[in-house]
Amino acid sequence: MYRPEDVRRIDPVEAIRASPGTYLPTGGYDPAHLASSLVDQVLRRGIGAVRVDLGSRWCVVTAEADWLAGLSGDPFERIVPFPEAGPNGMYVETVLVAFARGVATTSAAGSRVVVGESLGPLAGIDVGSGRAVAFSTRSTTAPRRP
């Protein structure tokens, strides 16, 4: 029999970092794969116009509407289920927080740095009623060896 003191609360970001192969199916941090996961997420939320800018330092995904609006929970801070992606689907923002050196977002509600110290390419941009997420093309973890 378990008692309340036997239950240990886990940090979702640390749980993701502990099992990178589960969340990074390409075998390591791949900004193009993560950007495509974000695009898939935006499209599954019914937003048709989405743009990806993949540079050497940052990747930016921008949509004409805020794909995170109305969620119960912040996917930058905890694992939020994404049932549109299947029974084990989750919003990919938590994975970005776990592995990217920098993550920032901007929407009509404002801009914020989630990981790191800079808004990066989001500094000073206006997305209207949409949302943009920028993340570093470099990982916080060492590359996996074959």
C-alpha atoms as a PDB file:
ATOM      1  CA  MET A   1       0.000   0.000   0.000  1.00  0.00           C
ATOM      2  CA  TYR A   2       1.307   3.398  -0.970  1.00  0.00           C
ATOM      3  CA  ARG A   3       1.151   6.382   1.317  1.00  0.00           C
ATOM      4  CA  PRO A   4       1.141  10.011   0.160  1.00  0.00           C
ATOM      5  CA  GLU A   5       4.735  10.427   1.329  1.00  0.00           C
ATOM      6  CA  ASP A   6       5.758   7.519  -0.949  1.00  0.00           C
ATOM      7  CA  VAL A   7       4.722   9.468  -4.038  1.00  0.00           C
ATOM      8  CA  ARG A   8       7.517  11.538  -5.463  1.00  0.00           C
ATOM      9  CA  ARG A   9       6.749  14.432  -7.788  1.00  0.00           C
ATOM     10  CA  ILE A  10       8.963  14.413 -10.867  1.00  0.00           C
ATOM     11  CA  ASP A  11      10.139  17.381 -12.886  1.00  0.00           C
ATOM     12  CA  PRO A  12       8.760  16.843 -16.419  1.00  0.00           C
ATOM     13  CA  VAL A  13      11.781  18.434 -18.081  1.00  0.00           C
ATOM     14  CA  GLU A  14      14.163  16.164 -16.171  1.00  0.00           C
ATOM     15  CA  ALA A  15      12.019  13.145 -17.046  1.00  0.00           C
ATOM     16  CA  ILE A  16      12.267  14.038 -20.737  1.00  0.00           C
ATOM     17  CA  ARG A  17      16.031  14.585 -20.506  1.00  0.00           C
ATOM     18  CA  ALA A  18      16.402  11.171 -18.830  1.00  0.00           C
ATOM     19  CA  SER A  19      14.886   9.432 -21.896  1.00  0.00           C
ATOM     20  CA  PRO A  20      16.030  11.399 -24.943  1.00  0.00           C
ATOM     21  CA  GLY A  21      15.406   8.499 -27.345  1.00  0.00           C
ATOM     22  CA  THR A  22      11.725   8.561 -26.479  1.00  0.00           C
ATOM     23  CA  TYR A  23      11.352  12.243 -27.358  1.00  0.00           C
ATOM     24  CA  LEU A  24      14.052  12.667 -30.013  1.00  0.00           C
ATOM     25  CA  PRO A  25      13.334   9.791 -32.406  1.00  0.00           C
ATOM     26  CA  THR A  26      16.016  10.900 -34.858  1.00  0.00           C
ATOM     27  CA  GLY A  27      18.635   9.804 -32.316  1.00  0.00           C
ATOM     28  CA  GLY A  28      19.535  13.267 -31.098  1.00  0.00           C
ATOM     29  CA  TYR A  29      18.616  16.918 -31.092  1.00  0.00           C
ATOM     30  CA  ASP A  30      17.437  17.759 -34.602  1.00  0.00           C
ATOM     31  CA  PRO A  31      15.996  21.281 -35.028  1.00  0.00           C
ATOM     32  CA  ALA A  32      14.401  20.412 -38.386  1.00  0.00           C
ATOM     33  CA  HIS A  33      12.542  17.465 -36.836  1.00  0.00           C
ATOM     34  CA  LEU A  34      11.394  19.569 -33.886  1.00  0.00           C
ATOM     35  CA  ALA A  35      10.249  22.340 -36.241  1.00  0.00           C
ATOM     36  CA  SER A  36       8.257  19.811 -38.262  1.00  0.00           C
ATOM     37  CA  SER A  37       6.700  18.536 -35.026  1.00  0.00           C
ATOM     38  CA  LEU A  38       5.647  22.098 -34.183  1.00  0.00           C
ATOM     39  CA  VAL A  39       4.220  22.578 -37.683  1.00  0.00           C
ATOM     40  CA  ASP A  40       2.272  19.325 -37.362  1.00  0.00           C
ATOM     41  CA  GLN A  41       0.933  20.516 -34.031  1.00  0.00           C
ATOM     42  CA  VAL A  42      -0.159  23.877 -35.497  1.00  0.00           C
ATOM     43  CA  LEU A  43      -1.873  22.214 -38.456  1.00  0.00           C
ATOM     44  CA  ARG A  44      -3.659  19.694 -36.211  1.00  0.00           C
ATOM     45  CA  ARG A  45      -4.995  22.654 -34.197  1.00  0.00           C
ATOM     46  CA  GLY A  46      -6.709  23.830 -37.399  1.00  0.00           C
ATOM     47  CA  ILE A  47      -4.384  26.712 -38.236  1.00  0.00           C
ATOM     48  CA  GLY A  48      -3.544  26.727 -41.928  1.00  0.00           C
ATOM     49  CA  ALA A  49      -0.848  29.373 -42.263  1.00  0.00           C
ATOM     50  CA  VAL A  50       2.451  28.492 -40.608  1.00  0.00           C
ATOM     51  CA  ARG A  51       5.993  29.567 -41.437  1.00  0.00           C
ATOM     52  CA  VAL A  52       9.355  28.062 -40.505  1.00  0.00           C
ATOM     53  CA  ASP A  53      12.648  29.941 -40.594  1.00  0.00           C
ATOM     54  CA  LEU A  54      15.560  27.611 -39.894  1.00  0.00           C
ATOM     55  CA  GLY A  55      18.794  29.523 -39.470  1.00  0.00           C
ATOM     56  CA  SER A  56      22.216  28.579 -38.188  1.00  0.00           C
ATOM     57  CA  ARG A  57      21.496  29.769 -34.620  1.00  0.00           C
ATOM     58  CA  TRP A  58      17.709  29.812 -34.251  1.00  0.00           C
ATOM     59  CA  CYS A  59      14.635  28.145 -35.647  1.00  0.00           C
ATOM     60  CA  VAL A  60      11.406  30.173 -35.629  1.00  0.00           C
ATOM     61  CA  VAL A  61       7.919  28.751 -36.138  1.00  0.00           C
ATOM     62  CA  THR A  62       5.225  31.398 -36.659  1.00  0.00           C
ATOM     63  CA  ALA A  63       1.493  30.933 -37.175  1.00  0.00           C
ATOM     64  CA  GLU A  64      -1.346  33.317 -37.954  1.00  0.00           C
ATOM     65  CA  ALA A  65      -3.224  32.177 -34.834  1.00  0.00           C
ATOM     66  CA  ASP A  66      -2.105  31.200 -31.335  1.00  0.00           C
ATOM     67  CA  TRP A  67      -2.027  27.411 -31.315  1.00  0.00           C
ATOM     68  CA  LEU A  68      -1.598  27.357 -27.526  1.00  0.00           C
ATOM     69  CA  ALA A  69      -4.649  29.540 -26.790  1.00  0.00           C
ATOM     70  CA  GLY A  70      -7.183  27.932 -24.504  1.00  0.00           C
ATOM     71  CA  LEU A  71      -4.971  25.168 -23.160  1.00  0.00           C
ATOM     72  CA  SER A  72      -5.284  24.135 -19.545  1.00  0.00           C
ATOM     73  CA  GLY A  73      -1.624  24.180 -18.632  1.00  0.00           C
ATOM     74  CA  ASP A  74       1.525  25.711 -20.037  1.00  0.00           C
ATOM     75  CA  PRO A  75       3.354  23.259 -22.338  1.00  0.00           C
ATOM     76  CA  PHE A  76       6.603  25.160 -21.744  1.00  0.00           C
ATOM     77  CA  GLU A  77       6.417  24.210 -18.051  1.00  0.00           C
ATOM     78  CA  ARG A  78       4.800  20.780 -17.982  1.00  0.00           C
ATOM     79  CA  ILE A  79       3.748  17.929 -20.224  1.00  0.00           C
ATOM     80  CA  VAL A  80       0.383  18.815 -21.732  1.00  0.00           C
ATOM     81  CA  PRO A  81      -1.504  16.050 -23.553  1.00  0.00           C
ATOM     82  CA  PHE A  82      -2.115  16.597 -27.269  1.00  0.00           C
ATOM     83  CA  PRO A  83      -4.871  14.086 -28.099  1.00  0.00           C
ATOM     84  CA  GLU A  84      -5.040  15.228 -31.737  1.00  0.00           C
ATOM     85  CA  ALA A  85      -1.642  13.520 -32.201  1.00  0.00           C
ATOM     86  CA  GLY A  86      -2.779  10.160 -30.810  1.00  0.00           C
ATOM     87  CA  PRO A  87      -3.157   8.466 -27.453  1.00  0.00           C
ATOM     88  CA  ASN A  88       0.331   9.375 -26.188  1.00  0.00           C
ATOM     89  CA  GLY A  89       0.542  12.742 -27.945  1.00  0.00           C
ATOM     90  CA  MET A  90       1.947  15.731 -26.100  1.00  0.00           C
ATOM     91  CA  TYR A  91       2.819  19.300 -26.992  1.00  0.00           C
ATOM     92  CA  VAL A  92       6.415  19.481 -28.232  1.00  0.00           C
ATOM     93  CA  GLU A  93       7.205  22.739 -26.380  1.00  0.00           C
ATOM     94  CA  THR A  94       8.265  20.754 -23.303  1.00  0.00           C
ATOM     95  CA  VAL A  95      10.808  18.869 -25.427  1.00  0.00           C
ATOM     96  CA  LEU A  96      12.211  22.176 -26.661  1.00  0.00           C
ATOM     97  CA  VAL A  97      12.637  23.329 -23.060  1.00  0.00           C
ATOM     98  CA  ALA A  98      14.396  20.073 -22.179  1.00  0.00           C
ATOM     99  CA  PHE A  99      16.961  20.147 -24.978  1.00  0.00           C
ATOM    100  CA  ALA A 100      17.347  23.598 -26.580  1.00  0.00           C
ATOM    101  CA  ARG A 101      19.847  26.144 -25.272  1.00  0.00           C
ATOM    102  CA  GLY A 102      17.350  28.909 -25.873  1.00  0.00           C
ATOM    103  CA  VAL A 103      13.555  29.003 -26.178  1.00  0.00           C
ATOM    104  CA  ALA A 104      11.376  32.107 -26.504  1.00  0.00           C
ATOM    105  CA  THR A 105       7.800  32.774 -27.460  1.00  0.00           C
ATOM    106  CA  THR A 106       5.645  35.736 -28.361  1.00  0.00           C
ATOM    107  CA  SER A 107       1.899  36.145 -28.788  1.00  0.00           C
ATOM    108  CA  ALA A 108      -0.763  38.790 -28.250  1.00  0.00           C
ATOM    109  CA  ALA A 109      -0.362  38.086 -24.517  1.00  0.00           C
ATOM    110  CA  GLY A 110       3.296  39.171 -24.637  1.00  0.00           C
ATOM    111  CA  SER A 111       6.811  37.854 -25.116  1.00  0.00           C
ATOM    112  CA  ARG A 112       8.909  35.769 -22.785  1.00  0.00           C
ATOM    113  CA  VAL A 113      12.205  33.980 -22.595  1.00  0.00           C
ATOM    114  CA  VAL A 114      11.526  30.413 -21.506  1.00  0.00           C
ATOM    115  CA  VAL A 115      15.115  29.089 -21.602  1.00  0.00           C
ATOM    116  CA  GLY A 116      18.256  31.161 -21.870  1.00  0.00           C
ATOM    117  CA  GLU A 117      18.662  34.897 -21.681  1.00  0.00           C
ATOM    118  CA  SER A 118      17.398  36.272 -24.980  1.00  0.00           C
ATOM    119  CA  LEU A 119      14.273  36.551 -27.082  1.00  0.00           C
ATOM    120  CA  GLY A 120      16.623  35.933 -29.984  1.00  0.00           C
ATOM    121  CA  PRO A 121      14.951  36.656 -33.321  1.00  0.00           C
ATOM    122  CA  LEU A 122      11.629  37.384 -31.571  1.00  0.00           C
ATOM    123  CA  ALA A 123      12.875  40.650 -30.062  1.00  0.00           C
ATOM    124  CA  GLY A 124      10.625  43.436 -31.256  1.00  0.00           C
ATOM    125  CA  ILE A 125       8.398  41.440 -33.605  1.00  0.00           C
ATOM    126  CA  ASP A 126       4.618  41.669 -33.579  1.00  0.00           C
ATOM    127  CA  VAL A 127       2.697  38.503 -34.438  1.00  0.00           C
ATOM    128  CA  GLY A 128      -0.730  40.117 -34.057  1.00  0.00           C
ATOM    129  CA  SER A 129      -3.160  37.460 -32.855  1.00  0.00           C
ATOM    130  CA  GLY A 130      -0.744  34.675 -33.779  1.00  0.00           C
ATOM    131  CA  ARG A 131       2.183  33.072 -31.994  1.00  0.00           C
ATOM    132  CA  ALA A 132       5.851  32.503 -32.695  1.00  0.00           C
ATOM    133  CA  VAL A 133       8.207  30.115 -30.956  1.00  0.00           C
ATOM    134  CA  ALA A 134      11.957  30.409 -31.418  1.00  0.00           C
ATOM    135  CA  PHE A 135      14.443  27.823 -30.264  1.00  0.00           C
ATOM    136  CA  SER A 136      18.170  27.405 -30.533  1.00  0.00           C
ATOM    137  CA  THR A 137      19.532  25.138 -33.226  1.00  0.00           C
ATOM    138  CA  ARG A 138      22.044  23.889 -30.646  1.00  0.00           C
ATOM    139  CA  SER A 139      21.285  21.402 -27.892  1.00  0.00           C
ATOM    140  CA  THR A 140      22.051  21.539 -24.176  1.00  0.00           C
ATOM    141  CA  THR A 141      23.051  17.878 -24.336  1.00  0.00           C
ATOM    142  CA  ALA A 142      26.056  16.251 -25.937  1.00  0.00           C
ATOM    143  CA  PRO A 143      25.390  14.439 -29.205  1.00  0.00           C
ATOM    144  CA  ARG A 144      24.722  10.719 -28.910  1.00  0.00           C
ATOM    145  CA  ARG A 145      27.442   8.469 -30.218  1.00  0.00           C
ATOM    146  CA  PRO A 146      26.524   5.585 -32.557  1.00  0.00           C
END
